[in-house]
Amino acid sequence: MGVFVIKKIILFLLGFTPLLLGYVMNSWMMENLDKVLPLKLIGFLFLAFWLLIGLVSNKLETSLVQSFVIAHLPALLMLLLIMYQEWIVDAFWSNLFGLAPQFYFIPLMNLSASVIGILGISTKGIWFACLLALLYMVAAYYIGNYIRRFLD
């Protein structure tokens, strides 16, 4: 495998960091039911982290479009799994394919729910909150990539 392929694989794997963070957050919340996490702070810190991913992504992939697609492909797949389960199956599976998409968006769910509440939007299920979370990620990544290109 060439260096370019390895860099793309690294960028793709970085796209799964929300899943790891969401899993850790879920585990902590299940073990500490009497404690509350600073969910909005976690959301903002995660967006700052995602901005940094966008900032360093041009070292992994020079094309902005390819970098963008590779880094957000896991998020898009997770969103599609959530939409399929909510719209087609009308229930979440109790296996990895049902839980992983929910864990993926946990870090940004509080920020998404706040915006939905402020706008007064009523939706059935969590798909819209997950879509907003994906849009937050896209914006943070783009800003990070834009800053890097501006600085270079």
C-alpha atoms as a PDB file:
ATOM      1  CA  MET A   1       0.000   0.000   0.000  1.00  0.00           C
ATOM      2  CA  GLY A   2       1.231   3.420  -0.855  1.00  0.00           C
ATOM      3  CA  VAL A   3       1.553   6.324   1.512  1.00  0.00           C
ATOM      4  CA  PHE A   4      -1.451   8.033  -0.071  1.00  0.00           C
ATOM      5  CA  VAL A   5      -3.719   5.054   0.600  1.00  0.00           C
ATOM      6  CA  ILE A   6      -2.582   4.849   4.228  1.00  0.00           C
ATOM      7  CA  LYS A   7      -3.288   8.561   4.705  1.00  0.00           C
ATOM      8  CA  LYS A   8      -6.798   8.092   3.305  1.00  0.00           C
ATOM      9  CA  ILE A   9      -7.371   5.154   5.638  1.00  0.00           C
ATOM     10  CA  ILE A  10      -6.233   7.266   8.599  1.00  0.00           C
ATOM     11  CA  LEU A  11      -8.629  10.049   7.571  1.00  0.00           C
ATOM     12  CA  PHE A  12     -11.456   7.524   7.212  1.00  0.00           C
ATOM     13  CA  LEU A  13     -10.708   6.059  10.650  1.00  0.00           C
ATOM     14  CA  LEU A  14     -10.667   9.557  12.169  1.00  0.00           C
ATOM     15  CA  GLY A  15     -14.230   9.779  10.898  1.00  0.00           C
ATOM     16  CA  PHE A  16     -15.157   7.131  13.482  1.00  0.00           C
ATOM     17  CA  THR A  17     -13.930   9.099  16.516  1.00  0.00           C
ATOM     18  CA  PRO A  18     -17.480  10.278  17.357  1.00  0.00           C
ATOM     19  CA  LEU A  19     -18.474   6.614  17.681  1.00  0.00           C
ATOM     20  CA  LEU A  20     -15.732   5.992  20.231  1.00  0.00           C
ATOM     21  CA  LEU A  21     -16.589   9.150  22.166  1.00  0.00           C
ATOM     22  CA  GLY A  22     -20.316   8.329  22.075  1.00  0.00           C
ATOM     23  CA  TYR A  23     -19.658   4.804  23.333  1.00  0.00           C
ATOM     24  CA  VAL A  24     -17.554   6.142  26.219  1.00  0.00           C
ATOM     25  CA  MET A  25     -20.205   8.746  27.067  1.00  0.00           C
ATOM     26  CA  ASN A  26     -22.980   6.136  27.006  1.00  0.00           C
ATOM     27  CA  SER A  27     -20.991   3.747  29.204  1.00  0.00           C
ATOM     28  CA  TRP A  28     -20.260   6.502  31.714  1.00  0.00           C
ATOM     29  CA  MET A  29     -23.896   7.615  31.825  1.00  0.00           C
ATOM     30  CA  MET A  30     -25.112   4.036  32.355  1.00  0.00           C
ATOM     31  CA  GLU A  31     -22.656   3.498  35.222  1.00  0.00           C
ATOM     32  CA  ASN A  32     -23.258   6.906  36.863  1.00  0.00           C
ATOM     33  CA  LEU A  33     -27.002   7.426  36.714  1.00  0.00           C
ATOM     34  CA  ASP A  34     -26.874   9.937  39.559  1.00  0.00           C
ATOM     35  CA  LYS A  35     -24.371  12.226  37.824  1.00  0.00           C
ATOM     36  CA  VAL A  36     -24.806  14.587  34.899  1.00  0.00           C
ATOM     37  CA  LEU A  37     -22.286  15.173  32.140  1.00  0.00           C
ATOM     38  CA  PRO A  38     -21.729  18.714  30.829  1.00  0.00           C
ATOM     39  CA  LEU A  39     -23.275  17.739  27.503  1.00  0.00           C
ATOM     40  CA  LYS A  40     -23.192  21.142  25.805  1.00  0.00           C
ATOM     41  CA  LEU A  41     -19.549  21.588  26.812  1.00  0.00           C
ATOM     42  CA  ILE A  42     -18.746  18.137  25.430  1.00  0.00           C
ATOM     43  CA  GLY A  43     -20.504  19.101  22.189  1.00  0.00           C
ATOM     44  CA  PHE A  44     -18.503  22.304  21.824  1.00  0.00           C
ATOM     45  CA  LEU A  45     -15.233  20.545  22.702  1.00  0.00           C
ATOM     46  CA  PHE A  46     -16.002  17.863  20.142  1.00  0.00           C
ATOM     47  CA  LEU A  47     -16.657  20.508  17.492  1.00  0.00           C
ATOM     48  CA  ALA A  48     -13.313  22.120  18.378  1.00  0.00           C
ATOM     49  CA  PHE A  49     -11.693  18.692  17.948  1.00  0.00           C
ATOM     50  CA  TRP A  50     -13.453  18.242  14.588  1.00  0.00           C
ATOM     51  CA  LEU A  51     -12.231  21.682  13.539  1.00  0.00           C
ATOM     52  CA  LEU A  52      -8.691  20.466  14.319  1.00  0.00           C
ATOM     53  CA  ILE A  53      -9.311  17.375  12.194  1.00  0.00           C
ATOM     54  CA  GLY A  54     -10.264  19.708   9.361  1.00  0.00           C
ATOM     55  CA  LEU A  55      -7.163  21.776  10.094  1.00  0.00           C
ATOM     56  CA  VAL A  56      -4.759  18.827   9.722  1.00  0.00           C
ATOM     57  CA  SER A  57      -6.693  16.959   7.044  1.00  0.00           C
ATOM     58  CA  ASN A  58      -4.829  18.592   4.175  1.00  0.00           C
ATOM     59  CA  LYS A  59      -1.742  16.721   5.402  1.00  0.00           C
ATOM     60  CA  LEU A  60      -3.669  13.494   4.833  1.00  0.00           C
ATOM     61  CA  GLU A  61      -5.461  14.446   1.619  1.00  0.00           C
ATOM     62  CA  THR A  62      -4.689  17.468  -0.553  1.00  0.00           C
ATOM     63  CA  SER A  63      -8.053  17.613  -2.331  1.00  0.00           C
ATOM     64  CA  LEU A  64     -10.668  19.379  -0.200  1.00  0.00           C
ATOM     65  CA  VAL A  65     -13.529  17.422  -1.759  1.00  0.00           C
ATOM     66  CA  GLN A  66     -11.872  14.026  -1.283  1.00  0.00           C
ATOM     67  CA  SER A  67     -10.817  14.943   2.251  1.00  0.00           C
ATOM     68  CA  PHE A  68     -14.339  16.065   3.056  1.00  0.00           C
ATOM     69  CA  VAL A  69     -15.971  12.924   1.642  1.00  0.00           C
ATOM     70  CA  ILE A  70     -13.530  10.494   3.254  1.00  0.00           C
ATOM     71  CA  ALA A  71     -13.784  12.098   6.710  1.00  0.00           C
ATOM     72  CA  HIS A  72     -17.594  12.328   6.667  1.00  0.00           C
ATOM     73  CA  LEU A  73     -18.394   8.998   5.028  1.00  0.00           C
ATOM     74  CA  PRO A  74     -18.782   7.249   8.421  1.00  0.00           C
ATOM     75  CA  ALA A  75     -21.161   9.997   9.617  1.00  0.00           C
ATOM     76  CA  LEU A  76     -23.241   9.712   6.459  1.00  0.00           C
ATOM     77  CA  LEU A  77     -23.423   5.927   6.814  1.00  0.00           C
ATOM     78  CA  MET A  78     -24.535   6.285  10.439  1.00  0.00           C
ATOM     79  CA  LEU A  79     -27.198   8.830   9.470  1.00  0.00           C
ATOM     80  CA  LEU A  80     -28.494   6.533   6.718  1.00  0.00           C
ATOM     81  CA  LEU A  81     -28.698   3.645   9.200  1.00  0.00           C
ATOM     82  CA  ILE A  82     -30.706   5.810  11.609  1.00  0.00           C
ATOM     83  CA  MET A  83     -33.046   6.978   8.861  1.00  0.00           C
ATOM     84  CA  TYR A  84     -33.548   3.419   7.597  1.00  0.00           C
ATOM     85  CA  GLN A  85     -34.377   2.170  11.079  1.00  0.00           C
ATOM     86  CA  GLU A  86     -36.755   5.031  11.812  1.00  0.00           C
ATOM     87  CA  TRP A  87     -38.498   5.298   8.449  1.00  0.00           C
ATOM     88  CA  ILE A  88     -38.475   1.750   7.059  1.00  0.00           C
ATOM     89  CA  VAL A  89     -38.160  -0.598  10.045  1.00  0.00           C
ATOM     90  CA  ASP A  90     -39.882   1.790  12.504  1.00  0.00           C
ATOM     91  CA  ALA A  91     -37.683   0.501  15.345  1.00  0.00           C
ATOM     92  CA  PHE A  92     -34.039   0.457  16.325  1.00  0.00           C
ATOM     93  CA  TRP A  93     -32.262  -2.857  16.112  1.00  0.00           C
ATOM     94  CA  SER A  94     -30.806  -4.105  19.394  1.00  0.00           C
ATOM     95  CA  ASN A  95     -27.519  -5.095  17.774  1.00  0.00           C
ATOM     96  CA  LEU A  96     -24.390  -3.231  16.690  1.00  0.00           C
ATOM     97  CA  PHE A  97     -26.096  -1.747  13.631  1.00  0.00           C
ATOM     98  CA  GLY A  98     -28.846  -0.318  15.817  1.00  0.00           C
ATOM     99  CA  LEU A  99     -26.690   0.997  18.651  1.00  0.00           C
ATOM    100  CA  ALA A 100     -23.600   2.285  16.822  1.00  0.00           C
ATOM    101  CA  PRO A 101     -25.437   4.986  14.837  1.00  0.00           C
ATOM    102  CA  GLN A 102     -27.025   6.284  18.043  1.00  0.00           C
ATOM    103  CA  PHE A 103     -23.684   6.280  19.879  1.00  0.00           C
ATOM    104  CA  TYR A 104     -22.071   8.080  16.950  1.00  0.00           C
ATOM    105  CA  PHE A 105     -24.166  11.215  17.358  1.00  0.00           C
ATOM    106  CA  ILE A 106     -24.322  11.332  21.190  1.00  0.00           C
ATOM    107  CA  PRO A 107     -21.549  13.973  21.513  1.00  0.00           C
ATOM    108  CA  LEU A 108     -23.583  16.511  19.512  1.00  0.00           C
ATOM    109  CA  MET A 109     -27.113  15.443  20.381  1.00  0.00           C
ATOM    110  CA  ASN A 110     -27.572  18.056  23.124  1.00  0.00           C
ATOM    111  CA  LEU A 111     -26.587  20.901  20.790  1.00  0.00           C
ATOM    112  CA  SER A 112     -28.900  19.565  18.085  1.00  0.00           C
ATOM    113  CA  ALA A 113     -31.797  19.177  20.506  1.00  0.00           C
ATOM    114  CA  SER A 114     -31.286  22.741  21.728  1.00  0.00           C
ATOM    115  CA  VAL A 115     -31.558  24.131  18.192  1.00  0.00           C
ATOM    116  CA  ILE A 116     -34.615  21.993  17.490  1.00  0.00           C
ATOM    117  CA  GLY A 117     -36.213  23.299  20.685  1.00  0.00           C
ATOM    118  CA  ILE A 118     -35.403  26.916  19.878  1.00  0.00           C
ATOM    119  CA  LEU A 119     -36.811  26.592  16.364  1.00  0.00           C
ATOM    120  CA  GLY A 120     -39.859  24.722  17.637  1.00  0.00           C
ATOM    121  CA  ILE A 121     -39.435  21.924  15.119  1.00  0.00           C
ATOM    122  CA  SER A 122     -41.424  18.765  15.791  1.00  0.00           C
ATOM    123  CA  THR A 123     -40.065  15.550  14.311  1.00  0.00           C
ATOM    124  CA  LYS A 124     -40.724  11.887  14.934  1.00  0.00           C
ATOM    125  CA  GLY A 125     -37.513  10.210  15.978  1.00  0.00           C
ATOM    126  CA  ILE A 126     -33.934  11.395  16.170  1.00  0.00           C
ATOM    127  CA  TRP A 127     -33.043  11.539  12.487  1.00  0.00           C
ATOM    128  CA  PHE A 128     -33.338  15.340  12.282  1.00  0.00           C
ATOM    129  CA  ALA A 129     -31.154  15.874  15.367  1.00  0.00           C
ATOM    130  CA  CYS A 130     -28.572  13.545  13.817  1.00  0.00           C
ATOM    131  CA  LEU A 131     -28.753  15.465  10.548  1.00  0.00           C
ATOM    132  CA  LEU A 132     -28.073  18.693  12.454  1.00  0.00           C
ATOM    133  CA  ALA A 133     -25.156  17.014  14.224  1.00  0.00           C
ATOM    134  CA  LEU A 134     -23.726  16.004  10.846  1.00  0.00           C
ATOM    135  CA  LEU A 135     -24.124  19.582   9.602  1.00  0.00           C
ATOM    136  CA  TYR A 136     -22.264  20.865  12.685  1.00  0.00           C
ATOM    137  CA  MET A 137     -19.455  18.431  11.935  1.00  0.00           C
ATOM    138  CA  VAL A 138     -19.337  19.510   8.301  1.00  0.00           C
ATOM    139  CA  ALA A 139     -19.193  23.193   9.267  1.00  0.00           C
ATOM    140  CA  ALA A 140     -16.448  22.676  11.860  1.00  0.00           C
ATOM    141  CA  TYR A 141     -14.406  20.556   9.458  1.00  0.00           C
ATOM    142  CA  TYR A 142     -14.779  23.083   6.666  1.00  0.00           C
ATOM    143  CA  ILE A 143     -13.775  25.980   8.921  1.00  0.00           C
ATOM    144  CA  GLY A 144     -10.692  24.058  10.047  1.00  0.00           C
ATOM    145  CA  ASN A 145      -9.744  23.222   6.477  1.00  0.00           C
ATOM    146  CA  TYR A 146     -10.365  26.810   5.380  1.00  0.00           C
ATOM    147  CA  ILE A 147      -8.125  28.146   8.183  1.00  0.00           C
ATOM    148  CA  ARG A 148      -5.346  25.753   7.150  1.00  0.00           C
ATOM    149  CA  ARG A 149      -5.565  26.779   3.506  1.00  0.00           C
ATOM    150  CA  PHE A 150      -5.638  30.451   4.532  1.00  0.00           C
ATOM    151  CA  LEU A 151      -2.538  30.009   6.694  1.00  0.00           C
ATOM    152  CA  ASP A 152      -0.576  28.136   4.008  1.00  0.00           C
END
